[in-house]
PDB file of all heavy atoms in Angstrom:
ATOM      1  N   LEU A   1     109.206 157.270 111.830  1.00  0.00           N
ATOM      2  CA  LEU A   1     107.738 156.978 112.006  1.00  0.00           C
ATOM      3  C   LEU A   1     106.933 158.235 112.229  1.00  0.00           C
ATOM      4  O   LEU A   1     107.485 159.277 112.646  1.00  0.00           O
ATOM      5  CB  LEU A   1     107.677 156.144 113.305  1.00  0.00           C
ATOM      6  CG  LEU A   1     108.518 154.796 113.285  1.00  0.00           C
ATOM      7  CD1 LEU A   1     108.332 154.061 114.611  1.00  0.00           C
ATOM      8  CD2 LEU A   1     108.164 153.894 112.156  1.00  0.00           C
ATOM      9  N   PRO A   2     105.672 158.159 111.900  1.00  0.00           N
ATOM     10  CA  PRO A   2     104.776 159.355 112.112  1.00  0.00           C
ATOM     11  C   PRO A   2     104.609 159.679 113.619  1.00  0.00           C
ATOM     12  O   PRO A   2     104.687 158.763 114.422  1.00  0.00           O
ATOM     13  CB  PRO A   2     103.522 158.915 111.441  1.00  0.00           C
ATOM     14  CG  PRO A   2     103.520 157.418 111.494  1.00  0.00           C
ATOM     15  CD  PRO A   2     104.876 157.001 111.318  1.00  0.00           C
ATOM     16  N   LYS A   3     104.329 160.900 113.812  1.00  0.00           N
ATOM     17  CA  LYS A   3     104.152 161.342 115.210  1.00  0.00           C
ATOM     18  C   LYS A   3     102.740 161.855 115.444  1.00  0.00           C
ATOM     19  O   LYS A   3     102.209 162.622 114.588  1.00  0.00           O
ATOM     20  CB  LYS A   3     105.198 162.488 115.596  1.00  0.00           C
ATOM     21  CG  LYS A   3     106.647 162.035 115.534  1.00  0.00           C
ATOM     22  CD  LYS A   3     107.563 163.122 115.883  1.00  0.00           C
ATOM     23  CE  LYS A   3     108.946 162.613 116.035  1.00  0.00           C
ATOM     24  NZ  LYS A   3     109.456 161.917 114.754  1.00  0.00           N
ATOM     25  N   LEU A   4     102.134 161.350 116.410  1.00  0.00           N
ATOM     26  CA  LEU A   4     100.757 161.693 116.762  1.00  0.00           C
ATOM     27  C   LEU A   4     100.720 162.514 118.041  1.00  0.00           C
ATOM     28  O   LEU A   4     101.208 162.153 119.096  1.00  0.00           O
ATOM     29  CB  LEU A   4      99.867 160.489 116.946  1.00  0.00           C
ATOM     30  CG  LEU A   4      98.425 160.722 117.248  1.00  0.00           C
ATOM     31  CD1 LEU A   4      97.709 161.435 116.150  1.00  0.00           C
ATOM     32  CD2 LEU A   4      97.696 159.346 117.602  1.00  0.00           C
ATOM     33  N   ASP A   5     100.193 163.742 117.984  1.00  0.00           N
ATOM     34  CA  ASP A   5     100.075 164.658 119.091  1.00  0.00           C
ATOM     35  C   ASP A   5      98.597 165.033 119.343  1.00  0.00           C
ATOM     36  O   ASP A   5      97.822 165.201 118.372  1.00  0.00           O
ATOM     37  CB  ASP A   5     100.882 165.885 118.830  1.00  0.00           C
ATOM     38  CG  ASP A   5     102.319 165.637 118.749  1.00  0.00           C
ATOM     39  OD1 ASP A   5     102.976 165.044 119.602  1.00  0.00           O
ATOM     40  OD2 ASP A   5     102.939 166.053 117.645  1.00  0.00           O
ATOM     41  N   GLY A   6      98.257 165.185 120.564  1.00  0.00           N
ATOM     42  CA  GLY A   6      96.912 165.542 120.968  1.00  0.00           C
ATOM     43  C   GLY A   6      96.980 166.900 121.719  1.00  0.00           C
ATOM     44  O   GLY A   6      98.040 167.176 122.367  1.00  0.00           O
ATOM     45  N   SER A   7      95.952 167.606 121.710  1.00  0.00           N
ATOM     46  CA  SER A   7      95.852 168.900 122.386  1.00  0.00           C
ATOM     47  C   SER A   7      94.460 169.161 122.919  1.00  0.00           C
ATOM     48  O   SER A   7      93.429 168.789 122.209  1.00  0.00           O
ATOM     49  CB  SER A   7      96.281 170.051 121.535  1.00  0.00           C
ATOM     50  OG  SER A   7      95.474 170.203 120.453  1.00  0.00           O
ATOM     51  N   VAL A   8      94.351 169.747 124.057  1.00  0.00           N
ATOM     52  CA  VAL A   8      93.094 170.142 124.623  1.00  0.00           C
ATOM     53  C   VAL A   8      93.240 171.542 125.189  1.00  0.00           C
ATOM     54  O   VAL A   8      94.253 171.862 125.928  1.00  0.00           O
ATOM     55  CB  VAL A   8      92.630 169.150 125.772  1.00  0.00           C
ATOM     56  CG1 VAL A   8      91.329 169.705 126.363  1.00  0.00           C
ATOM     57  CG2 VAL A   8      92.398 167.796 125.175  1.00  0.00           C
ATOM     58  N   MET A   9      92.295 172.437 124.919  1.00  0.00           N
ATOM     59  CA  MET A   9      92.424 173.840 125.373  1.00  0.00           C
ATOM     60  C   MET A   9      91.091 174.293 125.868  1.00  0.00           C
ATOM     61  O   MET A   9      90.073 174.123 125.172  1.00  0.00           O
ATOM     62  CB  MET A   9      93.000 174.763 124.269  1.00  0.00           C
ATOM     63  CG  MET A   9      93.116 176.221 124.671  1.00  0.00           C
ATOM     64  SD  MET A   9      93.752 177.310 123.417  1.00  0.00           S
ATOM     65  CE  MET A   9      92.415 177.128 122.138  1.00  0.00           C
ATOM     66  N   GLY A  10      91.010 174.946 126.994  1.00  0.00           N
ATOM     67  CA  GLY A  10      89.819 175.548 127.489  1.00  0.00           C
ATOM     68  C   GLY A  10      89.993 177.087 127.612  1.00  0.00           C
ATOM     69  O   GLY A  10      91.096 177.539 127.993  1.00  0.00           O
ATOM     70  N   LEU A  11      88.947 177.775 127.366  1.00  0.00           N
ATOM     71  CA  LEU A  11      88.929 179.280 127.408  1.00  0.00           C
ATOM     72  C   LEU A  11      87.983 179.824 128.429  1.00  0.00           C
ATOM     73  O   LEU A  11      86.892 179.268 128.634  1.00  0.00           O
ATOM     74  CB  LEU A  11      88.639 179.891 126.057  1.00  0.00           C
ATOM     75  CG  LEU A  11      89.619 179.570 124.872  1.00  0.00           C
ATOM     76  CD1 LEU A  11      89.017 180.170 123.597  1.00  0.00           C
ATOM     77  CD2 LEU A  11      90.993 180.068 125.147  1.00  0.00           C
ATOM     78  N   TYR A  12      88.430 180.790 129.105  1.00  0.00           N
ATOM     79  CA  TYR A  12      87.552 181.582 130.036  1.00  0.00           C
ATOM     80  C   TYR A  12      87.880 183.034 129.894  1.00  0.00           C
ATOM     81  O   TYR A  12      88.861 183.514 130.470  1.00  0.00           O
ATOM     82  CB  TYR A  12      87.669 181.080 131.460  1.00  0.00           C
ATOM     83  CG  TYR A  12      86.659 181.689 132.360  1.00  0.00           C
ATOM     84  CD1 TYR A  12      85.385 180.982 132.570  1.00  0.00           C
ATOM     85  CD2 TYR A  12      86.856 182.872 133.023  1.00  0.00           C
ATOM     86  CE1 TYR A  12      84.395 181.563 133.366  1.00  0.00           C
ATOM     87  CE2 TYR A  12      85.854 183.390 133.899  1.00  0.00           C
ATOM     88  CZ  TYR A  12      84.611 182.733 133.974  1.00  0.00           C
ATOM     89  OH  TYR A  12      83.709 183.291 134.832  1.00  0.00           O
ATOM     90  N   MET A  13      87.178 183.777 129.066  1.00  0.00           N
ATOM     91  CA  MET A  13      87.432 185.137 128.850  1.00  0.00           C
ATOM     92  C   MET A  13      86.120 185.936 129.083  1.00  0.00           C
ATOM     93  O   MET A  13      85.027 185.466 129.057  1.00  0.00           O
ATOM     94  CB  MET A  13      87.930 185.331 127.372  1.00  0.00           C
ATOM     95  CG  MET A  13      89.184 184.631 127.080  1.00  0.00           C
ATOM     96  SD  MET A  13      89.676 184.766 125.299  1.00  0.00           S
ATOM     97  CE  MET A  13      89.791 186.550 125.165  1.00  0.00           C
ATOM     98  N   LYS A  14      86.241 187.238 129.271  1.00  0.00           N
ATOM     99  CA  LYS A  14      85.095 188.098 129.434  1.00  0.00           C
ATOM    100  C   LYS A  14      84.416 188.142 128.049  1.00  0.00           C
ATOM    101  O   LYS A  14      84.917 187.948 126.995  1.00  0.00           O
ATOM    102  CB  LYS A  14      85.487 189.460 129.945  1.00  0.00           C
ATOM    103  CG  LYS A  14      86.294 190.318 128.988  1.00  0.00           C
ATOM    104  CD  LYS A  14      86.522 191.704 129.591  1.00  0.00           C
ATOM    105  CE  LYS A  14      87.261 192.551 128.638  1.00  0.00           C
ATOM    106  NZ  LYS A  14      87.522 193.902 129.158  1.00  0.00           N
ATOM    107  N   ASP A  15      83.136 188.584 128.092  1.00  0.00           N
ATOM    108  CA  ASP A  15      82.310 188.619 126.931  1.00  0.00           C
ATOM    109  C   ASP A  15      82.892 189.580 125.928  1.00  0.00           C
ATOM    110  O   ASP A  15      83.397 190.731 126.289  1.00  0.00           O
ATOM    111  CB  ASP A  15      80.887 189.050 127.239  1.00  0.00           C
ATOM    112  CG  ASP A  15      80.243 188.084 128.162  1.00  0.00           C
ATOM    113  OD1 ASP A  15      80.823 186.944 128.325  1.00  0.00           O
ATOM    114  OD2 ASP A  15      79.172 188.422 128.735  1.00  0.00           O
ATOM    115  N   GLN A  16      82.927 189.175 124.650  1.00  0.00           N
ATOM    116  CA  GLN A  16      83.417 190.020 123.602  1.00  0.00           C
ATOM    117  C   GLN A  16      82.299 190.615 122.782  1.00  0.00           C
ATOM    118  O   GLN A  16      81.347 189.873 122.468  1.00  0.00           O
ATOM    119  CB  GLN A  16      84.392 189.211 122.700  1.00  0.00           C
ATOM    120  CG  GLN A  16      85.529 188.529 123.372  1.00  0.00           C
ATOM    121  CD  GLN A  16      86.504 189.513 123.935  1.00  0.00           C
ATOM    122  OE1 GLN A  16      86.854 190.551 123.178  1.00  0.00           O
ATOM    123  NE2 GLN A  16      86.945 189.374 125.140  1.00  0.00           N
ATOM    124  N   ASP A  17      82.347 191.851 122.531  1.00  0.00           N
ATOM    125  CA  ASP A  17      81.249 192.552 121.750  1.00  0.00           C
ATOM    126  C   ASP A  17      81.623 192.448 120.306  1.00  0.00           C
ATOM    127  O   ASP A  17      82.654 192.949 119.813  1.00  0.00           O
ATOM    128  CB  ASP A  17      81.145 194.005 122.149  1.00  0.00           C
ATOM    129  CG  ASP A  17      79.984 194.658 121.462  1.00  0.00           C
ATOM    130  OD1 ASP A  17      78.855 194.388 121.710  1.00  0.00           O
ATOM    131  OD2 ASP A  17      80.355 195.536 120.575  1.00  0.00           O
ATOM    132  N   ILE A  18      80.650 191.806 119.531  1.00  0.00           N
ATOM    133  CA  ILE A  18      80.814 191.727 118.101  1.00  0.00           C
ATOM    134  C   ILE A  18      79.523 192.302 117.423  1.00  0.00           C
ATOM    135  O   ILE A  18      78.470 191.636 117.429  1.00  0.00           O
ATOM    136  CB  ILE A  18      81.077 190.264 117.687  1.00  0.00           C
ATOM    137  CG1 ILE A  18      82.301 189.682 118.348  1.00  0.00           C
ATOM    138  CG2 ILE A  18      81.230 190.110 116.191  1.00  0.00           C
ATOM    139  CD1 ILE A  18      82.602 188.257 118.007  1.00  0.00           C
ATOM    140  N   MET A  19      79.724 193.477 116.965  1.00  0.00           N
ATOM    141  CA  MET A  19      78.594 194.214 116.174  1.00  0.00           C
ATOM    142  C   MET A  19      77.383 194.155 117.074  1.00  0.00           C
ATOM    143  O   MET A  19      76.220 193.876 116.586  1.00  0.00           O
ATOM    144  CB  MET A  19      78.346 193.469 114.870  1.00  0.00           C
ATOM    145  CG  MET A  19      79.566 193.547 113.912  1.00  0.00           C
ATOM    146  SD  MET A  19      79.224 192.670 112.330  1.00  0.00           S
ATOM    147  CE  MET A  19      77.978 193.844 111.718  1.00  0.00           C
ATOM    148  N   GLY A  20      77.512 194.565 118.273  1.00  0.00           N
ATOM    149  CA  GLY A  20      76.387 194.617 119.177  1.00  0.00           C
ATOM    150  C   GLY A  20      75.968 193.366 119.815  1.00  0.00           C
ATOM    151  O   GLY A  20      75.072 193.311 120.664  1.00  0.00           O
ATOM    152  N   ASN A  21      76.600 192.242 119.493  1.00  0.00           N
ATOM    153  CA  ASN A  21      76.249 190.968 120.054  1.00  0.00           C
ATOM    154  C   ASN A  21      77.404 190.505 120.964  1.00  0.00           C
ATOM    155  O   ASN A  21      78.550 190.805 120.753  1.00  0.00           O
ATOM    156  CB  ASN A  21      76.006 189.892 119.000  1.00  0.00           C
ATOM    157  CG  ASN A  21      74.821 190.263 118.144  1.00  0.00           C
ATOM    158  OD1 ASN A  21      73.761 190.681 118.619  1.00  0.00           O
ATOM    159  ND2 ASN A  21      74.998 190.016 116.847  1.00  0.00           N
ATOM    160  N   ASN A  22      77.077 189.695 121.950  1.00  0.00           N
ATOM    161  CA  ASN A  22      78.104 189.190 122.933  1.00  0.00           C
ATOM    162  C   ASN A  22      78.572 187.786 122.533  1.00  0.00           C
ATOM    163  O   ASN A  22      77.725 186.892 122.335  1.00  0.00           O
ATOM    164  CB  ASN A  22      77.597 189.179 124.363  1.00  0.00           C
ATOM    165  CG  ASN A  22      77.352 190.564 124.831  1.00  0.00           C
ATOM    166  OD1 ASN A  22      78.032 191.532 124.529  1.00  0.00           O
ATOM    167  ND2 ASN A  22      76.293 190.709 125.670  1.00  0.00           N
ATOM    168  N   LEU A  23      79.902 187.679 122.391  1.00  0.00           N
ATOM    169  CA  LEU A  23      80.427 186.314 122.188  1.00  0.00           C
ATOM    170  C   LEU A  23      80.948 185.823 123.541  1.00  0.00           C
ATOM    171  O   LEU A  23      81.801 186.399 124.175  1.00  0.00           O
ATOM    172  CB  LEU A  23      81.715 186.452 121.174  1.00  0.00           C
ATOM    173  CG  LEU A  23      82.349 185.105 120.867  1.00  0.00           C
ATOM    174  CD1 LEU A  23      81.396 184.190 120.150  1.00  0.00           C
ATOM    175  CD2 LEU A  23      83.613 185.328 120.023  1.00  0.00           C
ATOM    176  N   LEU A  24      80.326 184.688 123.987  1.00  0.00           N
ATOM    177  CA  LEU A  24      80.636 184.156 125.314  1.00  0.00           C
ATOM    178  C   LEU A  24      81.651 183.080 125.170  1.00  0.00           C
ATOM    179  O   LEU A  24      81.461 181.981 124.490  1.00  0.00           O
ATOM    180  CB  LEU A  24      79.370 183.589 125.913  1.00  0.00           C
ATOM    181  CG  LEU A  24      78.136 184.490 125.996  1.00  0.00           C
ATOM    182  CD1 LEU A  24      76.964 183.815 126.686  1.00  0.00           C
ATOM    183  CD2 LEU A  24      78.523 185.800 126.685  1.00  0.00           C
ATOM    184  N   LEU A  25      82.824 183.266 125.790  1.00  0.00           N
ATOM    185  CA  LEU A  25      83.948 182.327 125.733  1.00  0.00           C
ATOM    186  C   LEU A  25      84.199 181.739 127.144  1.00  0.00           C
ATOM    187  O   LEU A  25      85.264 181.354 127.436  1.00  0.00           O
ATOM    188  CB  LEU A  25      85.192 183.021 125.163  1.00  0.00           C
ATOM    189  CG  LEU A  25      85.128 183.543 123.786  1.00  0.00           C
ATOM    190  CD1 LEU A  25      86.347 184.278 123.408  1.00  0.00           C
ATOM    191  CD2 LEU A  25      84.901 182.437 122.801  1.00  0.00           C
ATOM    192  N   ARG A  26      83.212 181.574 127.902  1.00  0.00           N
ATOM    193  CA  ARG A  26      83.323 181.066 129.256  1.00  0.00           C
ATOM    194  C   ARG A  26      83.088 179.544 129.178  1.00  0.00           C
ATOM    195  O   ARG A  26      81.898 179.128 129.046  1.00  0.00           O
ATOM    196  CB  ARG A  26      82.340 181.735 130.191  1.00  0.00           C
ATOM    197  CG  ARG A  26      82.479 183.210 130.263  1.00  0.00           C
ATOM    198  CD  ARG A  26      81.438 183.815 131.201  1.00  0.00           C
ATOM    199  NE  ARG A  26      81.575 185.307 131.214  1.00  0.00           N
ATOM    200  CZ  ARG A  26      80.726 186.107 131.821  1.00  0.00           C
ATOM    201  NH1 ARG A  26      79.691 185.577 132.491  1.00  0.00           N
ATOM    202  NH2 ARG A  26      80.871 187.441 131.773  1.00  0.00           N
ATOM    203  N   GLY A  27      84.148 178.803 129.219  1.00  0.00           N
ATOM    204  CA  GLY A  27      83.947 177.303 129.191  1.00  0.00           C
ATOM    205  C   GLY A  27      84.146 176.747 127.755  1.00  0.00           C
ATOM    206  O   GLY A  27      83.794 175.569 127.535  1.00  0.00           O
ATOM    207  N   THR A  28      84.472 177.625 126.746  1.00  0.00           N
ATOM    208  CA  THR A  28      84.742 177.117 125.420  1.00  0.00           C
ATOM    209  C   THR A  28      85.976 176.194 125.446  1.00  0.00           C
ATOM    210  O   THR A  28      86.943 176.453 126.069  1.00  0.00           O
ATOM    211  CB  THR A  28      84.921 178.234 124.463  1.00  0.00           C
ATOM    212  OG1 THR A  28      83.736 179.118 124.509  1.00  0.00           O
ATOM    213  CG2 THR A  28      85.119 177.714 123.046  1.00  0.00           C
ATOM    214  N   TYR A  29      85.880 175.108 124.652  1.00  0.00           N
ATOM    215  CA  TYR A  29      87.006 174.182 124.631  1.00  0.00           C
ATOM    216  C   TYR A  29      87.304 173.783 123.210  1.00  0.00           C
ATOM    217  O   TYR A  29      86.439 173.868 122.288  1.00  0.00           O
ATOM    218  CB  TYR A  29      86.740 172.868 125.491  1.00  0.00           C
ATOM    219  CG  TYR A  29      85.558 172.085 124.920  1.00  0.00           C
ATOM    220  CD1 TYR A  29      85.732 171.122 124.041  1.00  0.00           C
ATOM    221  CD2 TYR A  29      84.267 172.340 125.378  1.00  0.00           C
ATOM    222  CE1 TYR A  29      84.684 170.338 123.482  1.00  0.00           C
ATOM    223  CE2 TYR A  29      83.210 171.620 124.952  1.00  0.00           C
ATOM    224  CZ  TYR A  29      83.424 170.578 123.970  1.00  0.00           C
ATOM    225  OH  TYR A  29      82.335 169.878 123.539  1.00  0.00           O
ATOM    226  N   VAL A  30      88.583 173.424 122.997  1.00  0.00           N
ATOM    227  CA  VAL A  30      89.005 172.957 121.697  1.00  0.00           C
ATOM    228  C   VAL A  30      90.003 171.731 121.942  1.00  0.00           C
ATOM    229  O   VAL A  30      90.801 171.737 122.754  1.00  0.00           O
ATOM    230  CB  VAL A  30      89.864 174.066 120.908  1.00  0.00           C
ATOM    231  CG1 VAL A  30      90.301 173.495 119.564  1.00  0.00           C
ATOM    232  CG2 VAL A  30      89.040 175.263 120.805  1.00  0.00           C
ATOM    233  N   ALA A  31      89.617 170.631 121.206  1.00  0.00           N
ATOM    234  CA  ALA A  31      90.369 169.382 121.306  1.00  0.00           C
ATOM    235  C   ALA A  31      90.752 168.946 119.917  1.00  0.00           C
ATOM    236  O   ALA A  31      90.018 169.087 118.977  1.00  0.00           O
ATOM    237  CB  ALA A  31      89.614 168.337 122.055  1.00  0.00           C
ATOM    238  N   GLY A  32      91.979 168.394 119.793  1.00  0.00           N
ATOM    239  CA  GLY A  32      92.391 167.958 118.482  1.00  0.00           C
ATOM    240  C   GLY A  32      93.500 166.953 118.487  1.00  0.00           C
ATOM    241  O   GLY A  32      94.206 166.693 119.483  1.00  0.00           O
ATOM    242  N   LEU A  33      93.720 166.332 117.337  1.00  0.00           N
ATOM    243  CA  LEU A  33      94.816 165.393 117.060  1.00  0.00           C
ATOM    244  C   LEU A  33      95.486 165.837 115.829  1.00  0.00           C
ATOM    245  O   LEU A  33      94.977 166.289 114.844  1.00  0.00           O
ATOM    246  CB  LEU A  33      94.264 163.903 116.888  1.00  0.00           C
ATOM    247  CG  LEU A  33      93.560 163.267 118.115  1.00  0.00           C
ATOM    248  CD1 LEU A  33      92.963 161.977 117.594  1.00  0.00           C
ATOM    249  CD2 LEU A  33      94.544 163.051 119.205  1.00  0.00           C
ATOM    250  N   ASN A  34      96.843 165.656 115.862  1.00  0.00           N
ATOM    251  CA  ASN A  34      97.626 165.998 114.675  1.00  0.00           C
ATOM    252  C   ASN A  34      98.656 164.927 114.415  1.00  0.00           C
ATOM    253  O   ASN A  34      99.348 164.507 115.292  1.00  0.00           O
ATOM    254  CB  ASN A  34      98.294 167.304 114.895  1.00  0.00           C
ATOM    255  CG  ASN A  34      99.096 167.786 113.723  1.00  0.00           C
ATOM    256  OD1 ASN A  34      98.334 168.254 112.749  1.00  0.00           O
ATOM    257  ND2 ASN A  34     100.317 167.839 113.717  1.00  0.00           N
ATOM    258  N   LEU A  35      98.720 164.422 113.176  1.00  0.00           N
ATOM    259  CA  LEU A  35      99.628 163.382 112.719  1.00  0.00           C
ATOM    260  C   LEU A  35     100.550 163.952 111.748  1.00  0.00           C
ATOM    261  O   LEU A  35     100.160 164.456 110.710  1.00  0.00           O
ATOM    262  CB  LEU A  35      98.837 162.236 112.124  1.00  0.00           C
ATOM    263  CG  LEU A  35      99.628 160.990 111.700  1.00  0.00           C
ATOM    264  CD1 LEU A  35     100.201 160.303 112.921  1.00  0.00           C
ATOM    265  CD2 LEU A  35      98.778 160.061 110.848  1.00  0.00           C
ATOM    266  N   THR A  36     101.895 163.872 112.051  1.00  0.00           N
ATOM    267  CA  THR A  36     102.915 164.435 111.165  1.00  0.00           C
ATOM    268  C   THR A  36     103.879 163.330 110.733  1.00  0.00           C
ATOM    269  O   THR A  36     104.416 162.519 111.537  1.00  0.00           O
ATOM    270  CB  THR A  36     103.699 165.461 111.929  1.00  0.00           C
ATOM    271  OG1 THR A  36     102.799 166.487 112.436  1.00  0.00           O
ATOM    272  CG2 THR A  36     104.750 166.136 111.020  1.00  0.00           C
ATOM    273  N   GLN A  37     104.091 163.268 109.418  1.00  0.00           N
ATOM    274  CA  GLN A  37     104.937 162.242 108.815  1.00  0.00           C
ATOM    275  C   GLN A  37     106.055 162.921 107.931  1.00  0.00           C
ATOM    276  O   GLN A  37     105.672 163.613 106.975  1.00  0.00           O
ATOM    277  CB  GLN A  37     104.167 161.237 107.990  1.00  0.00           C
ATOM    278  CG  GLN A  37     105.006 160.313 107.161  1.00  0.00           C
ATOM    279  CD  GLN A  37     105.862 159.340 108.093  1.00  0.00           C
ATOM    280  OE1 GLN A  37     105.258 158.651 108.880  1.00  0.00           O
ATOM    281  NE2 GLN A  37     107.173 159.354 107.915  1.00  0.00           N
TER     282      GLN A  37
END
């Protein structure tokens, strides 16, 4: 049978400098589902 997996990830990192701009990763989240057969 196929397998269904879920994932949730939260990030809290210091600001990242990208070409003079700040990338804010304080409270960024990633959620997903993956189905494997």
